[in-house]
C-alpha atoms as a PDB file:
ATOM      1  CA  MET A   1      12.410  18.251  -5.544  1.00  0.00           C
ATOM      2  CA  THR A   2      11.728  14.594  -5.018  1.00  0.00           C
ATOM      3  CA  PRO A   3       9.094  14.304  -2.309  1.00  0.00           C
ATOM      4  CA  LEU A   4      10.060  12.402   0.803  1.00  0.00           C
ATOM      5  CA  LEU A   5       6.789  10.650   1.606  1.00  0.00           C
ATOM      6  CA  ARG A   6       5.928   7.485   3.409  1.00  0.00           C
ATOM      7  CA  PRO A   7       2.851   5.955   4.929  1.00  0.00           C
ATOM      8  CA  LEU A   8       1.651   7.206   8.270  1.00  0.00           C
ATOM      9  CA  ARG A   9       2.542   4.790  11.086  1.00  0.00           C
ATOM     10  CA  SER A  10       1.236   4.384  14.624  1.00  0.00           C
ATOM     11  CA  GLY A  11       4.697   5.130  15.920  1.00  0.00           C
ATOM     12  CA  ASP A  12       4.641   8.655  14.438  1.00  0.00           C
ATOM     13  CA  ALA A  13       2.449  10.109  17.217  1.00  0.00           C
ATOM     14  CA  ALA A  14       5.147  11.456  19.513  1.00  0.00           C
ATOM     15  CA  GLU A  15       7.080  13.129  16.678  1.00  0.00           C
ATOM     16  CA  LEU A  16       3.882  14.575  15.204  1.00  0.00           C
ATOM     17  CA  ALA A  17       2.909  15.994  18.621  1.00  0.00           C
ATOM     18  CA  GLU A  18       6.311  17.665  18.957  1.00  0.00           C
ATOM     19  CA  LEU A  19       6.157  19.011  15.366  1.00  0.00           C
ATOM     20  CA  LEU A  20       2.610  20.371  15.817  1.00  0.00           C
ATOM     21  CA  THR A  21       3.509  21.973  19.108  1.00  0.00           C
ATOM     22  CA  ARG A  22       6.605  23.647  17.582  1.00  0.00           C
ATOM     23  CA  ASN A  23       4.488  24.932  14.649  1.00  0.00           C
ATOM     24  CA  ARG A  24       1.284  25.761  16.547  1.00  0.00           C
ATOM     25  CA  ASP A  25       1.403  29.505  15.933  1.00  0.00           C
ATOM     26  CA  PHE A  26       2.422  29.096  12.326  1.00  0.00           C
ATOM     27  CA  LEU A  27      -0.447  26.660  11.546  1.00  0.00           C
ATOM     28  CA  THR A  28      -3.167  28.403  13.604  1.00  0.00           C
ATOM     29  CA  PRO A  29      -4.447  30.762  10.831  1.00  0.00           C
ATOM     30  CA  TRP A  30      -5.014  27.755   8.464  1.00  0.00           C
ATOM     31  CA  GLU A  31      -6.353  25.081  10.783  1.00  0.00           C
ATOM     32  CA  PRO A  32      -9.467  24.403  12.890  1.00  0.00           C
ATOM     33  CA  LEU A  33      -9.184  25.191  16.604  1.00  0.00           C
ATOM     34  CA  ARG A  34      -7.730  22.203  18.368  1.00  0.00           C
ATOM     35  CA  PRO A  35      -8.084  21.111  22.010  1.00  0.00           C
ATOM     36  CA  GLU A  36      -4.875  21.110  24.078  1.00  0.00           C
ATOM     37  CA  SER A  37      -4.874  17.293  23.991  1.00  0.00           C
ATOM     38  CA  PHE A  38      -4.386  17.364  20.197  1.00  0.00           C
ATOM     39  CA  PHE A  39      -0.809  18.597  20.753  1.00  0.00           C
ATOM     40  CA  THR A  40       0.173  15.815  23.074  1.00  0.00           C
ATOM     41  CA  PRO A  41       1.555  12.350  22.212  1.00  0.00           C
ATOM     42  CA  ALA A  42      -1.629  10.745  23.518  1.00  0.00           C
ATOM     43  CA  GLY A  43      -3.746  13.111  21.423  1.00  0.00           C
ATOM     44  CA  GLN A  44      -1.758  12.328  18.332  1.00  0.00           C
ATOM     45  CA  GLU A  45      -1.955   8.566  19.081  1.00  0.00           C
ATOM     46  CA  ALA A  46      -5.758   8.942  18.944  1.00  0.00           C
ATOM     47  CA  VAL A  47      -5.623  10.938  15.696  1.00  0.00           C
ATOM     48  CA  VAL A  48      -3.225   8.545  14.080  1.00  0.00           C
ATOM     49  CA  ALA A  49      -5.258   5.490  15.164  1.00  0.00           C
ATOM     50  CA  ASP A  50      -8.420   7.065  13.814  1.00  0.00           C
ATOM     51  CA  ASN A  51      -6.738   7.911  10.557  1.00  0.00           C
ATOM     52  CA  LEU A  52      -5.264   4.441  10.112  1.00  0.00           C
ATOM     53  CA  ASN A  53      -8.723   2.908  10.856  1.00  0.00           C
ATOM     54  CA  ARG A  54     -10.230   5.149   8.179  1.00  0.00           C
ATOM     55  CA  GLN A  55      -7.471   4.151   5.776  1.00  0.00           C
ATOM     56  CA  GLU A  56      -8.163   0.478   6.465  1.00  0.00           C
ATOM     57  CA  ALA A  57     -11.849   1.125   5.737  1.00  0.00           C
ATOM     58  CA  GLY A  58     -10.861   2.751   2.403  1.00  0.00           C
ATOM     59  CA  THR A  59     -12.139   6.236   3.212  1.00  0.00           C
ATOM     60  CA  MET A  60      -8.715   7.892   3.761  1.00  0.00           C
ATOM     61  CA  HIS A  61      -5.149   7.649   2.527  1.00  0.00           C
ATOM     62  CA  CYS A  62      -2.484   8.991   4.911  1.00  0.00           C
ATOM     63  CA  LEU A  63       1.133   9.924   4.239  1.00  0.00           C
ATOM     64  CA  VAL A  64       3.745  11.855   6.162  1.00  0.00           C
ATOM     65  CA  ILE A  65       6.069  14.373   4.530  1.00  0.00           C
ATOM     66  CA  MET A  66       9.657  14.186   5.662  1.00  0.00           C
ATOM     67  CA  ASP A  67      12.544  16.514   5.361  1.00  0.00           C
ATOM     68  CA  GLU A  68      15.935  15.513   3.841  1.00  0.00           C
ATOM     69  CA  THR A  69      17.124  14.079   7.196  1.00  0.00           C
ATOM     70  CA  GLY A  70      14.114  11.762   7.467  1.00  0.00           C
ATOM     71  CA  ALA A  71      12.447  13.831  10.215  1.00  0.00           C
ATOM     72  CA  LEU A  72       8.713  14.501   9.896  1.00  0.00           C
ATOM     73  CA  ALA A  73       7.954  17.861   8.289  1.00  0.00           C
ATOM     74  CA  GLY A  74       4.173  17.565   7.691  1.00  0.00           C
ATOM     75  CA  ARG A  75       1.284  15.449   6.501  1.00  0.00           C
ATOM     76  CA  ILE A  76      -0.774  14.930   3.371  1.00  0.00           C
ATOM     77  CA  ASN A  77      -4.051  13.021   3.262  1.00  0.00           C
ATOM     78  CA  LEU A  78      -6.811  12.056   1.017  1.00  0.00           C
ATOM     79  CA  ASN A  79      -9.991  12.434   3.088  1.00  0.00           C
ATOM     80  CA  ASN A  80     -13.579  11.354   2.455  1.00  0.00           C
ATOM     81  CA  ILE A  81     -12.739   8.928  -0.329  1.00  0.00           C
ATOM     82  CA  VAL A  82     -16.004   8.093  -2.042  1.00  0.00           C
ATOM     83  CA  ARG A  83     -16.228   5.134  -4.459  1.00  0.00           C
ATOM     84  CA  GLY A  84     -18.978   4.126  -6.839  1.00  0.00           C
ATOM     85  CA  PRO A  85     -19.710   6.561  -9.698  1.00  0.00           C
ATOM     86  CA  PHE A  86     -18.045   9.500  -7.834  1.00  0.00           C
ATOM     87  CA  GLN A  87     -14.477   8.091  -7.311  1.00  0.00           C
ATOM     88  CA  SER A  88     -13.425  11.254  -5.548  1.00  0.00           C
ATOM     89  CA  ALA A  89     -11.520  12.485  -2.507  1.00  0.00           C
ATOM     90  CA  SER A  90     -10.632  15.703  -0.759  1.00  0.00           C
ATOM     91  CA  MET A  91      -6.952  16.418  -0.248  1.00  0.00           C
ATOM     92  CA  GLY A  92      -5.416  18.219   2.699  1.00  0.00           C
ATOM     93  CA  TYR A  93      -1.822  18.902   3.621  1.00  0.00           C
ATOM     94  CA  TRP A  94       0.340  20.965   5.980  1.00  0.00           C
ATOM     95  CA  LEU A  95       4.052  21.551   6.407  1.00  0.00           C
ATOM     96  CA  SER A  96       6.109  22.930   9.243  1.00  0.00           C
ATOM     97  CA  ALA A  97       7.325  26.515   8.913  1.00  0.00           C
ATOM     98  CA  SER A  98      10.910  25.412   8.351  1.00  0.00           C
ATOM     99  CA  ALA A  99       9.916  23.018   5.537  1.00  0.00           C
ATOM    100  CA  GLY A 100       8.014  25.591   3.462  1.00  0.00           C
ATOM    101  CA  GLY A 101       9.220  27.488   0.435  1.00  0.00           C
ATOM    102  CA  GLN A 102      11.430  24.641  -0.821  1.00  0.00           C
ATOM    103  CA  GLY A 103       8.997  22.984  -3.263  1.00  0.00           C
ATOM    104  CA  ARG A 104       8.246  20.180  -0.822  1.00  0.00           C
ATOM    105  CA  ALA A 105       4.468  20.834  -0.717  1.00  0.00           C
ATOM    106  CA  THR A 106       4.288  21.033  -4.520  1.00  0.00           C
ATOM    107  CA  ALA A 107       6.201  17.757  -4.820  1.00  0.00           C
ATOM    108  CA  ALA A 108       4.088  16.041  -2.111  1.00  0.00           C
ATOM    109  CA  VAL A 109       0.862  17.073  -3.818  1.00  0.00           C
ATOM    110  CA  ALA A 110       2.209  15.871  -7.203  1.00  0.00           C
ATOM    111  CA  GLU A 111       2.989  12.494  -5.681  1.00  0.00           C
ATOM    112  CA  MET A 112      -0.389  12.234  -3.933  1.00  0.00           C
ATOM    113  CA  VAL A 113      -2.109  13.074  -7.278  1.00  0.00           C
ATOM    114  CA  ARG A 114      -0.163  10.241  -8.873  1.00  0.00           C
ATOM    115  CA  ILE A 115      -1.121   7.795  -6.121  1.00  0.00           C
ATOM    116  CA  ALA A 116      -4.808   8.889  -6.259  1.00  0.00           C
ATOM    117  CA  PHE A 117      -5.148   8.480  -9.986  1.00  0.00           C
ATOM    118  CA  THR A 118      -2.997   5.355 -10.501  1.00  0.00           C
ATOM    119  CA  ASN A 119      -2.845   3.256  -7.297  1.00  0.00           C
ATOM    120  CA  LEU A 120      -6.257   4.237  -5.939  1.00  0.00           C
ATOM    121  CA  GLY A 121      -8.088   4.634  -9.276  1.00  0.00           C
ATOM    122  CA  LEU A 122      -9.770   7.908  -8.313  1.00  0.00           C
ATOM    123  CA  HIS A 123     -11.307  10.168 -10.942  1.00  0.00           C
ATOM    124  CA  ARG A 124     -11.356  13.484  -9.092  1.00  0.00           C
ATOM    125  CA  LEU A 125      -9.465  15.298  -6.334  1.00  0.00           C
ATOM    126  CA  GLU A 126     -10.706  18.410  -4.497  1.00  0.00           C
ATOM    127  CA  ALA A 127      -8.941  20.827  -2.198  1.00  0.00           C
ATOM    128  CA  GLY A 128     -10.039  24.028  -0.575  1.00  0.00           C
ATOM    129  CA  THR A 129      -8.225  27.039   0.889  1.00  0.00           C
ATOM    130  CA  ILE A 130      -9.208  30.200   2.625  1.00  0.00           C
ATOM    131  CA  PRO A 131      -8.786  33.126   0.174  1.00  0.00           C
ATOM    132  CA  GLU A 132      -5.805  34.433   2.113  1.00  0.00           C
ATOM    133  CA  ASN A 133      -3.797  31.207   1.789  1.00  0.00           C
ATOM    134  CA  LEU A 134      -1.957  32.209  -1.388  1.00  0.00           C
ATOM    135  CA  ARG A 135       0.904  29.752  -0.856  1.00  0.00           C
ATOM    136  CA  SER A 136      -1.455  26.746  -0.803  1.00  0.00           C
ATOM    137  CA  GLN A 137      -3.350  28.053  -3.831  1.00  0.00           C
ATOM    138  CA  ALA A 138       0.022  28.317  -5.697  1.00  0.00           C
ATOM    139  CA  VAL A 139       0.843  24.670  -4.767  1.00  0.00           C
ATOM    140  CA  LEU A 140      -2.521  23.531  -6.168  1.00  0.00           C
ATOM    141  CA  ARG A 141      -2.207  25.575  -9.335  1.00  0.00           C
ATOM    142  CA  ARG A 142       1.343  24.244  -9.981  1.00  0.00           C
ATOM    143  CA  ASN A 143      -0.220  20.779  -9.815  1.00  0.00           C
ATOM    144  CA  ALA A 144      -2.907  21.603 -12.442  1.00  0.00           C
ATOM    145  CA  PHE A 145      -5.762  22.073  -9.976  1.00  0.00           C
ATOM    146  CA  GLU A 146      -8.346  24.558 -11.240  1.00  0.00           C
ATOM    147  CA  GLN A 147     -10.591  26.724  -9.147  1.00  0.00           C
ATOM    148  CA  PHE A 148     -14.159  25.680  -9.695  1.00  0.00           C
ATOM    149  CA  GLY A 149     -15.999  27.408  -6.896  1.00  0.00           C
ATOM    150  CA  TYR A 150     -16.241  29.787  -4.025  1.00  0.00           C
ATOM    151  CA  ALA A 151     -17.940  28.545  -0.850  1.00  0.00           C
ATOM    152  CA  PRO A 152     -19.053  31.183   1.702  1.00  0.00           C
ATOM    153  CA  SER A 153     -18.714  30.186   5.363  1.00  0.00           C
ATOM    154  CA  TYR A 154     -17.528  26.751   4.224  1.00  0.00           C
ATOM    155  CA  LEU A 155     -15.368  25.456   7.038  1.00  0.00           C
ATOM    156  CA  GLN A 156     -14.493  26.473  10.593  1.00  0.00           C
ATOM    157  CA  ILE A 157     -10.883  27.638  10.499  1.00  0.00           C
ATOM    158  CA  ALA A 158      -9.122  29.546  13.347  1.00  0.00           C
ATOM    159  CA  GLY A 159     -12.381  29.553  15.343  1.00  0.00           C
ATOM    160  CA  ARG A 160     -14.793  30.940  12.792  1.00  0.00           C
ATOM    161  CA  TYR A 161     -16.560  29.808   9.613  1.00  0.00           C
ATOM    162  CA  GLN A 162     -14.516  31.055   6.729  1.00  0.00           C
ATOM    163  CA  ASP A 163     -15.033  31.349   2.974  1.00  0.00           C
ATOM    164  CA  HIS A 164     -13.046  28.923   0.834  1.00  0.00           C
ATOM    165  CA  LEU A 165     -11.828  28.781  -2.752  1.00  0.00           C
ATOM    166  CA  LEU A 166     -12.534  25.278  -4.117  1.00  0.00           C
ATOM    167  CA  PHE A 167     -10.102  23.600  -6.513  1.00  0.00           C
ATOM    168  CA  GLN A 168     -10.286  20.302  -8.383  1.00  0.00           C
ATOM    169  CA  ARG A 169      -8.213  18.142 -10.615  1.00  0.00           C
ATOM    170  CA  LEU A 170      -9.577  15.355 -12.753  1.00  0.00           C
ATOM    171  CA  ALA A 171      -7.724  12.204 -13.765  1.00  0.00           C
ATOM    172  CA  PRO A 172      -6.541  12.116 -17.349  1.00  0.00           C
ATOM    173  CA  GLN A 173      -9.172  10.442 -19.490  1.00  0.00           C
ATOM    174  CA  THR A 174      -8.261   7.097 -20.961  1.00  0.00           C
ATOM    175  CA  ALA A 175      -9.832   5.325 -23.860  1.00  0.00           C
ATOM    176  CA  ASN A 176     -12.663   2.963 -22.913  1.00  0.00           C
END
């Protein structure tokens, strides 16, 4: 599947709020607890504005994932981009329930890997999942991410600190 990705835009807030509200129960086991305001157009306007400011500062890269009709189906981000000798970022993504199981997440991750290693010149990408998130682990493995660690009580998900499997992918080495 060819991924349908485009840059996040400030005008996406209302559609994101509607998509997140519709998929709230589906996403709850995999996400941090969110305040009610997160699911409103105003809440998403604040999130999008913050993300675009971070992107402008070079510490984040934000894309939306669309379905075949052009409607928003999810997001994929590079977070905590660190330059200097590290040249690394953490990748996060989510899809609506109706967009899953079609290869869309695998294709979106593949495209974000390409962007990270070519356009952004990064050396390393990292992603983490709770051990029960087998679908996300399969997406990462299909994109040549390798598990490199296990982090107990790593991140607060669904209201409690949960263990995470840590995955990474390194850029192909080029001759110096």
